[in-house]
Amino acid sequence: MEGSYTSLPTSHLLGSVPAVINEEKDAPNHQVPGANLQIFPPNNGGGGGRGYQTLEGPSGGDGQQSANTWSGVFSISSYTQYFNVDTDVVMNRLTSSLFPSGDFFSKIDANPDLYGPVWISTTLIFVVASLGNCATYMMRKRSDSSTSWSFDVSYLSVAAGAVYGYALIVPLAFYFLLQYLGSNVSIVRFWCLWGYSLFLFILSAFLLLIPVEFLRWTIIILTGAASASFVALNLRSYIETNDLNVVLVAAFILQLGLAIFIKTWFFP
């Protein structure tokens, strides 16, 4: 005996489909919360903001995410604008560093650069390391004619640590000091000032090859005093009261100390 079954109308079956779809729409939509990630390197784009961006931050009208309070100090792209400088501009600033005056900041105000300071520091390192070896050999040759030439590689490492460290840390220290004292200062302008102040030492290094100790000391003291005057006179524009003249004295002494260090270590 065959079993019987009852067929349902097709319209009844189709009518139940929307109900199923409606039940799926009414079901709660569980979403995985977005991770709080940071995009590196910092965005230097629109809005003038620089800093790290979070993926869950609010987006601007152009679809870009807003930057948070992190600065782009560790981003190489943040410094590219300071290397966009013409040769004529660099030469003009090199010339200004040879004649101590207090108008250097007015000349670099529109476009302070780091191109000059980087190459000046690098050139000074190789100049004092190579010429220091030559001067040491010449002095020893005068006292002992049997002395043979030998290049002391330690001169190069000491020069790199001293020059790069001085050009980077000293301006940074004065920047934080004057910020603490309430002055409106710029770290890039300070790096630019101290970097160009080292140009005099490159020229004087060639004169230190003269194997006369009295002349060597005279040359390095005059060079240190001129370079220190260049820094102090321009730094004075950030000193509003006479009570802070000790800052100028400190900058002068540090610059003079660098000159004495170059003489005693590389040209003994």
Protein backbone atom coordinates (compact mmCIF):
# COMPACT_ATOMS: atom_id res chain seq x y z
CA MET A 1 0.00 0.00 0.00
CA GLU A 2 1.50 3.24 -1.08
CA GLY A 3 1.75 6.10 1.41
CA SER A 4 -0.16 9.27 0.71
CA TYR A 5 1.11 12.81 1.14
CA THR A 6 -0.42 16.23 1.01
CA SER A 7 1.15 18.82 -1.28
CA LEU A 8 1.31 22.41 -0.19
CA PRO A 9 0.48 25.22 -2.53
CA THR A 10 3.48 26.89 -4.14
CA SER A 11 2.25 30.32 -3.07
CA HIS A 12 2.38 29.22 0.58
CA LEU A 13 6.02 28.13 0.26
CA LEU A 14 7.09 31.38 -1.40
CA GLY A 15 5.27 33.39 1.18
CA SER A 16 7.45 32.01 3.96
CA VAL A 17 10.72 33.22 2.34
CA PRO A 18 10.32 36.91 3.29
CA ALA A 19 9.71 35.86 6.87
CA VAL A 20 13.02 34.03 6.96
CA ILE A 21 14.83 37.02 5.46
CA ASN A 22 13.21 39.35 7.96
CA GLU A 23 14.32 37.12 10.81
CA GLU A 24 17.92 37.26 9.53
CA LYS A 25 17.79 41.05 9.36
CA ASP A 26 16.39 41.27 12.85
CA ALA A 27 19.21 39.11 14.22
CA PRO A 28 21.86 41.10 16.18
CA ASN A 29 24.89 42.07 14.08
CA HIS A 30 28.00 41.33 16.12
CA GLN A 31 31.11 43.14 14.84
CA VAL A 32 34.67 42.67 15.95
CA PRO A 33 35.99 45.89 17.46
CA GLY A 34 38.80 47.48 15.45
CA ALA A 35 42.29 47.28 16.85
CA ASN A 36 43.93 50.49 18.08
CA LEU A 37 46.87 50.43 15.68
CA GLN A 38 49.28 53.19 14.78
CA ILE A 39 50.42 53.99 11.27
CA PHE A 40 54.14 54.57 10.90
CA PRO A 41 55.72 56.79 9.68
CA PRO A 42 53.72 59.81 10.85
CA ASN A 43 51.57 61.56 8.30
CA ASN A 44 52.83 64.94 7.20
CA GLY A 45 49.89 65.60 4.97
CA GLY A 46 46.95 67.96 5.07
CA GLY A 47 45.78 69.91 8.07
CA GLY A 48 49.28 70.90 9.09
CA GLY A 49 49.29 68.14 11.66
CA ARG A 50 52.30 65.92 12.16
CA GLY A 51 52.23 62.80 14.16
CA TYR A 52 51.17 59.20 14.39
CA GLN A 53 47.67 58.32 13.22
CA THR A 54 45.34 55.81 14.77
CA LEU A 55 43.12 53.73 12.53
CA GLU A 56 40.06 54.41 14.66
CA GLY A 57 40.54 58.15 14.74
CA PRO A 58 37.98 60.47 13.15
CA SER A 59 38.41 61.17 9.47
CA GLY A 60 38.46 64.59 7.95
CA GLY A 61 36.43 65.77 4.99
CA ASP A 62 39.05 64.61 2.53
CA GLY A 63 38.99 61.07 3.90
CA GLN A 64 42.31 61.32 5.76
CA GLN A 65 42.56 60.47 9.39
CA SER A 66 43.36 63.20 11.88
CA ALA A 67 46.78 63.11 13.49
CA ASN A 68 47.18 62.76 17.20
CA THR A 69 49.59 64.65 19.39
CA TRP A 70 52.71 62.67 18.43
CA SER A 71 55.15 64.79 16.47
CA GLY A 72 56.93 63.47 13.42
CA VAL A 73 60.35 63.94 14.93
CA PHE A 74 61.37 60.37 14.09
CA SER A 75 60.10 60.56 10.52
CA ILE A 76 62.71 61.22 7.83
CA SER A 77 60.07 62.89 5.66
CA SER A 78 59.66 65.58 8.32
CA TYR A 79 63.17 66.87 7.60
CA THR A 80 63.19 66.82 3.79
CA GLN A 81 62.11 70.45 3.59
CA TYR A 82 65.26 71.50 5.47
CA PHE A 83 67.48 70.00 2.77
CA ASN A 84 65.73 71.85 -0.05
CA VAL A 85 68.20 74.71 -0.35
CA ASP A 86 70.18 76.26 -3.21
CA THR A 87 73.96 76.38 -3.37
CA ASP A 88 73.91 80.18 -3.45
CA VAL A 89 71.97 80.27 -0.20
CA VAL A 90 74.42 77.91 1.51
CA MET A 91 77.40 79.94 0.29
CA ASN A 92 75.81 83.13 1.59
CA ARG A 93 75.34 81.56 5.01
CA LEU A 94 78.88 80.23 5.04
CA THR A 95 80.13 83.74 4.36
CA SER A 96 77.97 85.10 7.17
CA SER A 97 79.52 82.64 9.62
CA LEU A 98 82.98 84.06 8.89
CA PHE A 99 82.02 87.52 10.15
CA PRO A 100 80.44 87.43 13.62
CA SER A 101 77.20 89.39 13.63
CA GLY A 102 73.78 89.12 15.15
CA ASP A 103 71.68 88.98 11.98
CA PHE A 104 72.06 85.30 11.08
CA PHE A 105 68.57 84.35 12.30
CA SER A 106 67.02 87.06 10.14
CA LYS A 107 68.76 85.55 7.11
CA ILE A 108 67.55 82.01 7.76
CA ASP A 109 64.12 82.88 9.14
CA ALA A 110 62.27 82.07 5.92
CA ASN A 111 64.11 78.81 5.25
CA PRO A 112 66.44 77.37 7.92
CA ASP A 113 68.36 74.43 6.50
CA LEU A 114 70.11 71.34 7.82
CA TYR A 115 71.94 70.61 4.57
CA GLY A 116 74.77 72.99 5.40
CA PRO A 117 75.23 71.91 9.03
CA VAL A 118 75.31 68.20 8.10
CA TRP A 119 77.97 68.64 5.41
CA ILE A 120 79.98 71.10 7.50
CA SER A 121 80.07 68.67 10.42
CA THR A 122 80.98 65.72 8.17
CA THR A 123 83.70 67.70 6.41
CA LEU A 124 85.13 68.88 9.72
CA ILE A 125 85.36 65.28 10.94
CA PHE A 126 87.43 64.11 7.98
CA VAL A 127 89.53 67.29 7.91
CA VAL A 128 90.62 67.21 11.56
CA ALA A 129 91.15 63.44 11.47
CA SER A 130 93.36 63.51 8.37
CA LEU A 131 95.19 66.76 9.07
CA GLY A 132 95.60 65.79 12.71
CA ASN A 133 97.47 62.69 11.63
CA CYS A 134 99.63 64.77 9.32
CA ALA A 135 100.39 67.35 12.00
CA THR A 136 101.28 64.65 14.54
CA TYR A 137 103.61 63.01 12.04
CA MET A 138 105.30 66.33 11.21
CA MET A 139 105.87 67.17 14.86
CA ARG A 140 107.33 63.73 15.59
CA LYS A 141 109.45 63.91 12.46
CA ARG A 142 111.07 67.10 13.70
CA SER A 143 112.20 65.45 16.91
CA ASP A 144 113.01 62.04 15.44
CA SER A 145 113.93 61.80 11.76
CA SER A 146 113.49 58.02 11.80
CA THR A 147 109.76 58.30 12.54
CA SER A 148 107.62 56.49 9.95
CA TRP A 149 104.16 57.53 8.77
CA SER A 150 101.17 55.77 10.34
CA PHE A 151 97.50 56.72 10.24
CA ASP A 152 95.74 56.65 13.62
CA VAL A 153 92.19 55.48 12.87
CA SER A 154 91.05 56.47 16.36
CA TYR A 155 91.24 60.12 15.27
CA LEU A 156 88.31 59.50 12.94
CA SER A 157 86.07 57.85 15.53
CA VAL A 158 86.86 60.49 18.16
CA ALA A 159 86.22 63.29 15.67
CA ALA A 160 82.87 61.79 14.64
CA GLY A 161 81.70 61.40 18.21
CA ALA A 162 82.86 64.85 19.27
CA VAL A 163 81.63 66.86 16.28
CA TYR A 164 78.32 65.10 15.70
CA GLY A 165 77.63 64.97 19.42
CA TYR A 166 78.42 68.65 19.88
CA ALA A 167 76.42 69.80 16.83
CA LEU A 168 73.39 67.76 17.94
CA ILE A 169 73.32 67.85 21.74
CA VAL A 170 74.51 71.39 22.56
CA PRO A 171 71.82 73.17 20.47
CA LEU A 172 69.26 70.75 21.88
CA ALA A 173 70.33 71.60 25.44
CA PHE A 174 70.04 75.35 24.83
CA TYR A 175 66.69 74.80 23.16
CA PHE A 176 65.22 73.10 26.23
CA LEU A 177 66.87 75.62 28.55
CA LEU A 178 65.41 78.64 26.77
CA GLN A 179 62.05 76.91 26.44
CA TYR A 180 62.08 76.42 30.20
CA LEU A 181 62.96 80.10 30.68
CA GLY A 182 59.98 81.13 28.56
CA SER A 183 61.60 82.01 25.23
CA ASN A 184 59.97 81.09 21.93
CA VAL A 185 62.79 79.18 20.22
CA SER A 186 63.18 76.79 17.28
CA ILE A 187 65.37 73.71 17.47
CA VAL A 188 65.94 73.67 13.69
CA ARG A 189 67.23 77.25 13.78
CA PHE A 190 69.55 76.34 16.64
CA TRP A 191 70.92 73.33 14.74
CA CYS A 192 71.41 75.60 11.74
CA LEU A 193 73.24 78.24 13.82
CA TRP A 194 75.63 75.85 15.57
CA GLY A 195 76.21 73.89 12.37
CA TYR A 196 77.36 76.90 10.39
CA SER A 197 79.47 78.10 13.33
CA LEU A 198 81.73 75.06 12.78
CA PHE A 199 82.79 76.23 9.31
CA LEU A 200 85.60 78.35 10.76
CA PHE A 201 87.22 75.26 12.27
CA ILE A 202 87.55 73.68 8.82
CA LEU A 203 89.59 76.62 7.55
CA SER A 204 91.73 76.89 10.67
CA ALA A 205 92.55 73.15 10.59
CA PHE A 206 94.74 73.72 7.52
CA LEU A 207 96.65 76.47 9.34
CA LEU A 208 97.24 74.14 12.28
CA LEU A 209 99.61 72.16 10.06
CA ILE A 210 102.20 74.84 10.77
CA PRO A 211 104.71 73.08 13.05
CA VAL A 212 105.02 76.01 15.45
CA GLU A 213 103.20 75.50 18.73
CA PHE A 214 102.77 79.19 19.55
CA LEU A 215 101.16 79.88 16.18
CA ARG A 216 98.91 76.86 16.56
CA TRP A 217 97.56 78.08 19.88
CA THR A 218 97.12 81.60 18.54
CA ILE A 219 95.19 80.32 15.51
CA ILE A 220 92.88 78.02 17.47
CA ILE A 221 92.12 80.62 20.17
CA LEU A 222 91.26 83.25 17.56
CA THR A 223 89.13 80.72 15.66
CA GLY A 224 87.31 79.62 18.81
CA ALA A 225 86.69 83.22 19.88
CA ALA A 226 85.32 84.19 16.46
CA SER A 227 83.07 81.13 16.27
CA ALA A 228 81.89 81.63 19.85
CA SER A 229 81.13 85.31 19.16
CA PHE A 230 79.06 84.27 16.14
CA VAL A 231 76.96 81.94 18.30
CA ALA A 232 76.61 84.29 21.29
CA LEU A 233 75.70 87.39 19.23
CA ASN A 234 72.93 85.55 17.42
CA LEU A 235 71.72 83.77 20.54
CA ARG A 236 71.34 87.15 22.20
CA SER A 237 68.16 87.78 20.19
CA TYR A 238 66.45 85.16 22.38
CA ILE A 239 67.70 86.69 25.64
CA GLU A 240 65.18 89.26 26.83
CA THR A 241 66.75 90.28 30.15
CA ASN A 242 70.28 90.87 31.38
CA ASP A 243 69.72 88.19 34.02
CA LEU A 244 70.06 85.53 31.32
CA ASN A 245 73.44 86.70 30.06
CA VAL A 246 74.89 83.64 31.77
CA VAL A 247 73.37 81.64 28.90
CA LEU A 248 75.44 83.61 26.41
CA VAL A 249 78.56 83.10 28.52
CA ALA A 250 77.90 79.36 28.64
CA ALA A 251 77.50 79.20 24.84
CA PHE A 252 80.72 81.18 24.37
CA ILE A 253 82.69 78.94 26.73
CA LEU A 254 81.39 75.73 25.16
CA GLN A 255 82.36 76.90 21.68
CA LEU A 256 85.79 77.93 22.92
CA GLY A 257 86.09 74.58 24.70
CA LEU A 258 85.47 72.76 21.42
CA ALA A 259 88.32 74.72 19.84
CA ILE A 260 90.71 73.80 22.64
CA PHE A 261 89.63 70.14 22.41
CA ILE A 262 90.39 70.07 18.68
CA LYS A 263 93.83 71.53 19.30
CA THR A 264 94.86 69.32 22.20
CA TRP A 265 93.50 66.04 20.79
CA PHE A 266 94.16 66.24 17.06
CA PHE A 267 97.08 68.69 16.91
CA PRO A 268 99.19 67.96 20.01
